[in-house]
Amino acid sequence: MTATKTSFAHGQLKSLVERIERLEEEKKTIAGDIKEVYAEAKANGFDTKILRKVISLRKKEASEREEEQSMLDVYMAALGMIPGEAEEAA
């Protein structure tokens, strides 16, 4: 009975490892595809740094984006990085 359980566990482990390996390979392929799209965007005159930021922002809920922007505005104002705001804070 123990040999059967060990054999089953071995087979299951091997199956899991092979699935993970296939998925890792697919992940590499997808990462390469994404890199190519960014290269295409750059070749067409788009700023890839800003494009990555837009992609990041689209993943967030509107309320999360608004809160983040609000905090960014507060920090920037406190550092005098927003014209007109530095005089008001002083």
N, C-alpha and C. Protein backbone atom coordinates (compact mmCIF):
# COMPACT_ATOMS: atom_id res chain seq x y z
N MET A 1 0.83 -1.19 0.00
CA MET A 1 0.00 0.00 0.00
C MET A 1 0.87 1.25 0.00
N THR A 2 1.95 1.25 0.79
CA THR A 2 2.84 2.41 0.85
C THR A 2 3.51 2.64 -0.49
N ALA A 3 3.89 1.56 -1.17
CA ALA A 3 4.52 1.69 -2.48
C ALA A 3 3.56 2.34 -3.47
N THR A 4 2.29 2.01 -3.38
CA THR A 4 1.29 2.60 -4.28
C THR A 4 1.16 4.09 -4.02
N LYS A 5 1.12 4.48 -2.74
CA LYS A 5 1.02 5.91 -2.39
C LYS A 5 2.27 6.66 -2.84
N THR A 6 3.43 6.05 -2.65
CA THR A 6 4.68 6.68 -3.05
C THR A 6 4.73 6.84 -4.56
N SER A 7 4.29 5.81 -5.28
CA SER A 7 4.27 5.85 -6.73
C SER A 7 3.32 6.94 -7.22
N PHE A 8 2.14 7.02 -6.58
CA PHE A 8 1.16 8.04 -6.94
C PHE A 8 1.72 9.44 -6.68
N ALA A 9 2.33 9.64 -5.51
CA ALA A 9 2.91 10.93 -5.15
C ALA A 9 4.02 11.30 -6.13
N HIS A 10 4.83 10.33 -6.51
CA HIS A 10 5.91 10.57 -7.47
C HIS A 10 5.33 11.02 -8.80
N GLY A 11 4.31 10.32 -9.27
CA GLY A 11 3.68 10.67 -10.54
C GLY A 11 3.02 12.04 -10.48
N GLN A 12 2.37 12.32 -9.36
CA GLN A 12 1.70 13.62 -9.20
C GLN A 12 2.74 14.74 -9.16
N LEU A 13 3.83 14.52 -8.43
CA LEU A 13 4.89 15.51 -8.34
C LEU A 13 5.49 15.78 -9.71
N LYS A 14 5.76 14.72 -10.45
CA LYS A 14 6.34 14.87 -11.78
C LYS A 14 5.40 15.65 -12.69
N SER A 15 4.12 15.36 -12.60
CA SER A 15 3.12 16.07 -13.40
C SER A 15 3.09 17.56 -13.05
N LEU A 16 3.13 17.87 -11.77
CA LEU A 16 3.11 19.27 -11.34
C LEU A 16 4.35 20.01 -11.83
N VAL A 17 5.50 19.38 -11.69
CA VAL A 17 6.74 20.01 -12.13
C VAL A 17 6.71 20.26 -13.64
N GLU A 18 6.24 19.30 -14.40
CA GLU A 18 6.18 19.47 -15.86
C GLU A 18 5.21 20.58 -16.25
N ARG A 19 4.08 20.68 -15.56
CA ARG A 19 3.12 21.76 -15.83
C ARG A 19 3.74 23.12 -15.54
N ILE A 20 4.43 23.21 -14.40
CA ILE A 20 5.08 24.48 -14.04
C ILE A 20 6.13 24.84 -15.09
N GLU A 21 6.91 23.86 -15.53
CA GLU A 21 7.93 24.12 -16.54
C GLU A 21 7.29 24.63 -17.84
N ARG A 22 6.18 24.03 -18.26
CA ARG A 22 5.50 24.49 -19.47
C ARG A 22 5.00 25.92 -19.30
N LEU A 23 4.41 26.21 -18.14
CA LEU A 23 3.90 27.55 -17.89
C LEU A 23 5.03 28.58 -17.84
N GLU A 24 6.16 28.21 -17.25
CA GLU A 24 7.32 29.11 -17.22
C GLU A 24 7.78 29.42 -18.65
N GLU A 25 7.77 28.42 -19.50
CA GLU A 25 8.16 28.61 -20.90
C GLU A 25 7.17 29.54 -21.61
N GLU A 26 5.88 29.34 -21.34
CA GLU A 26 4.86 30.21 -21.93
C GLU A 26 5.03 31.64 -21.42
N LYS A 27 5.38 31.79 -20.15
CA LYS A 27 5.59 33.10 -19.56
C LYS A 27 6.74 33.83 -20.27
N LYS A 28 7.81 33.10 -20.58
CA LYS A 28 8.94 33.69 -21.31
C LYS A 28 8.49 34.16 -22.69
N THR A 29 7.70 33.34 -23.36
CA THR A 29 7.20 33.68 -24.69
C THR A 29 6.33 34.94 -24.62
N ILE A 30 5.44 34.99 -23.64
CA ILE A 30 4.55 36.14 -23.49
C ILE A 30 5.36 37.39 -23.15
N ALA A 31 6.35 37.26 -22.28
CA ALA A 31 7.20 38.41 -21.94
C ALA A 31 7.91 38.93 -23.19
N GLY A 32 8.35 38.03 -24.03
CA GLY A 32 8.99 38.42 -25.29
C GLY A 32 8.01 39.14 -26.20
N ASP A 33 6.78 38.64 -26.25
CA ASP A 33 5.74 39.28 -27.07
C ASP A 33 5.45 40.70 -26.57
N ILE A 34 5.37 40.86 -25.25
CA ILE A 34 5.11 42.18 -24.67
C ILE A 34 6.25 43.13 -25.00
N LYS A 35 7.48 42.64 -24.91
CA LYS A 35 8.65 43.45 -25.23
C LYS A 35 8.58 43.93 -26.68
N GLU A 36 8.14 43.06 -27.57
CA GLU A 36 8.01 43.42 -28.99
C GLU A 36 6.96 44.50 -29.18
N VAL A 37 5.86 44.43 -28.45
CA VAL A 37 4.80 45.45 -28.57
C VAL A 37 5.32 46.80 -28.08
N TYR A 38 6.07 46.80 -26.98
CA TYR A 38 6.65 48.05 -26.49
C TYR A 38 7.65 48.61 -27.52
N ALA A 39 8.42 47.75 -28.16
CA ALA A 39 9.36 48.19 -29.19
C ALA A 39 8.60 48.80 -30.37
N GLU A 40 7.49 48.19 -30.72
CA GLU A 40 6.65 48.72 -31.80
C GLU A 40 6.09 50.09 -31.42
N ALA A 41 5.64 50.21 -30.17
CA ALA A 41 5.11 51.49 -29.70
C ALA A 41 6.19 52.57 -29.77
N LYS A 42 7.40 52.21 -29.34
CA LYS A 42 8.52 53.16 -29.36
C LYS A 42 8.85 53.56 -30.79
N ALA A 43 8.84 52.59 -31.69
CA ALA A 43 9.13 52.87 -33.10
C ALA A 43 8.08 53.80 -33.71
N ASN A 44 6.88 53.78 -33.16
CA ASN A 44 5.80 54.64 -33.66
C ASN A 44 5.73 55.97 -32.91
N GLY A 45 6.75 56.24 -32.08
CA GLY A 45 6.85 57.54 -31.44
C GLY A 45 6.22 57.66 -30.07
N PHE A 46 5.76 56.56 -29.50
CA PHE A 46 5.16 56.61 -28.17
C PHE A 46 6.25 56.50 -27.10
N ASP A 47 6.03 57.17 -25.98
CA ASP A 47 6.94 57.12 -24.85
C ASP A 47 6.60 55.86 -24.06
N THR A 48 7.49 54.89 -24.07
CA THR A 48 7.19 53.60 -23.43
C THR A 48 7.12 53.69 -21.92
N LYS A 49 7.86 54.63 -21.34
CA LYS A 49 7.80 54.81 -19.89
C LYS A 49 6.39 55.26 -19.48
N ILE A 50 5.85 56.21 -20.23
CA ILE A 50 4.49 56.69 -19.96
C ILE A 50 3.48 55.60 -20.28
N LEU A 51 3.71 54.86 -21.33
CA LEU A 51 2.81 53.77 -21.70
C LEU A 51 2.74 52.72 -20.59
N ARG A 52 3.88 52.39 -20.00
CA ARG A 52 3.91 51.44 -18.89
C ARG A 52 3.13 51.98 -17.69
N LYS A 53 3.25 53.29 -17.45
CA LYS A 53 2.52 53.92 -16.35
C LYS A 53 1.01 53.85 -16.60
N VAL A 54 0.60 54.10 -17.84
CA VAL A 54 -0.82 54.02 -18.20
C VAL A 54 -1.34 52.60 -17.98
N ILE A 55 -0.56 51.62 -18.40
CA ILE A 55 -0.95 50.21 -18.20
C ILE A 55 -1.11 49.93 -16.71
N SER A 56 -0.17 50.42 -15.91
CA SER A 56 -0.23 50.23 -14.46
C SER A 56 -1.47 50.87 -13.86
N LEU A 57 -1.77 52.09 -14.31
CA LEU A 57 -2.94 52.81 -13.78
C LEU A 57 -4.25 52.14 -14.18
N ARG A 58 -4.30 51.57 -15.37
CA ARG A 58 -5.54 50.91 -15.83
C ARG A 58 -5.87 49.66 -15.02
N LYS A 59 -4.87 49.10 -14.35
CA LYS A 59 -5.08 47.91 -13.52
C LYS A 59 -5.76 48.26 -12.20
N LYS A 60 -5.74 49.55 -11.84
CA LYS A 60 -6.27 49.99 -10.55
C LYS A 60 -7.71 50.47 -10.68
N GLU A 61 -8.42 50.40 -9.59
CA GLU A 61 -9.77 50.95 -9.52
C GLU A 61 -9.66 52.47 -9.56
N ALA A 62 -10.72 53.14 -10.03
CA ALA A 62 -10.73 54.59 -10.12
C ALA A 62 -10.47 55.23 -8.76
N SER A 63 -11.08 54.71 -7.72
CA SER A 63 -10.90 55.28 -6.38
C SER A 63 -9.44 55.17 -5.92
N GLU A 64 -8.80 54.06 -6.25
CA GLU A 64 -7.39 53.88 -5.88
C GLU A 64 -6.51 54.87 -6.63
N ARG A 65 -6.81 55.07 -7.93
CA ARG A 65 -6.05 56.04 -8.72
C ARG A 65 -6.23 57.45 -8.16
N GLU A 66 -7.46 57.80 -7.81
CA GLU A 66 -7.75 59.13 -7.27
C GLU A 66 -7.02 59.36 -5.95
N GLU A 67 -7.05 58.35 -5.08
CA GLU A 67 -6.36 58.47 -3.79
C GLU A 67 -4.86 58.64 -4.00
N GLU A 68 -4.30 57.86 -4.90
CA GLU A 68 -2.87 57.94 -5.19
C GLU A 68 -2.51 59.32 -5.74
N GLN A 69 -3.34 59.83 -6.66
CA GLN A 69 -3.08 61.15 -7.25
C GLN A 69 -3.20 62.25 -6.20
N SER A 70 -4.17 62.11 -5.31
CA SER A 70 -4.36 63.09 -4.25
C SER A 70 -3.14 63.14 -3.33
N MET A 71 -2.65 61.97 -2.94
CA MET A 71 -1.46 61.92 -2.08
C MET A 71 -0.24 62.47 -2.81
N LEU A 72 -0.12 62.17 -4.08
CA LEU A 72 0.99 62.69 -4.88
C LEU A 72 0.94 64.22 -4.92
N ASP A 73 -0.26 64.78 -5.12
CA ASP A 73 -0.43 66.23 -5.14
C ASP A 73 -0.03 66.85 -3.80
N VAL A 74 -0.44 66.23 -2.69
CA VAL A 74 -0.09 66.73 -1.36
C VAL A 74 1.43 66.75 -1.18
N TYR A 75 2.08 65.66 -1.54
CA TYR A 75 3.54 65.57 -1.38
C TYR A 75 4.24 66.60 -2.27
N MET A 76 3.80 66.70 -3.51
CA MET A 76 4.43 67.63 -4.44
C MET A 76 4.24 69.07 -3.98
N ALA A 77 3.06 69.40 -3.48
CA ALA A 77 2.80 70.75 -2.97
C ALA A 77 3.70 71.05 -1.77
N ALA A 78 3.83 70.07 -0.90
CA ALA A 78 4.67 70.26 0.29
C ALA A 78 6.13 70.48 -0.09
N LEU A 79 6.55 69.94 -1.20
CA LEU A 79 7.93 70.10 -1.66
C LEU A 79 8.11 71.28 -2.61
N GLY A 80 7.02 72.04 -2.82
CA GLY A 80 7.09 73.19 -3.71
C GLY A 80 7.22 72.84 -5.17
N MET A 81 6.72 71.70 -5.54
CA MET A 81 6.84 71.23 -6.93
C MET A 81 5.65 71.62 -7.79
N ILE A 82 4.63 72.23 -7.19
CA ILE A 82 3.45 72.66 -7.94
C ILE A 82 3.46 74.19 -7.95
N PRO A 83 3.57 74.82 -9.11
CA PRO A 83 3.62 76.29 -9.19
C PRO A 83 2.40 76.91 -8.48
N GLY A 84 2.68 77.94 -7.68
CA GLY A 84 1.61 78.62 -6.96
C GLY A 84 1.29 78.01 -5.63
N GLU A 85 1.56 76.73 -5.46
CA GLU A 85 1.25 76.04 -4.22
C GLU A 85 2.31 76.31 -3.16
N ALA A 86 3.56 76.51 -3.58
CA ALA A 86 4.65 76.68 -2.63
C ALA A 86 4.46 77.96 -1.81
N GLU A 87 4.00 79.04 -2.46
CA GLU A 87 3.80 80.29 -1.75
C GLU A 87 2.69 80.16 -0.72
N GLU A 88 1.63 79.43 -1.09
CA GLU A 88 0.49 79.25 -0.18
C GLU A 88 0.87 78.44 1.03
N ALA A 89 1.74 77.42 0.86
CA ALA A 89 2.13 76.55 1.96
C ALA A 89 3.09 77.25 2.92
N ALA A 90 3.82 78.26 2.44
CA ALA A 90 4.83 78.94 3.27
C ALA A 90 4.25 79.92 4.23
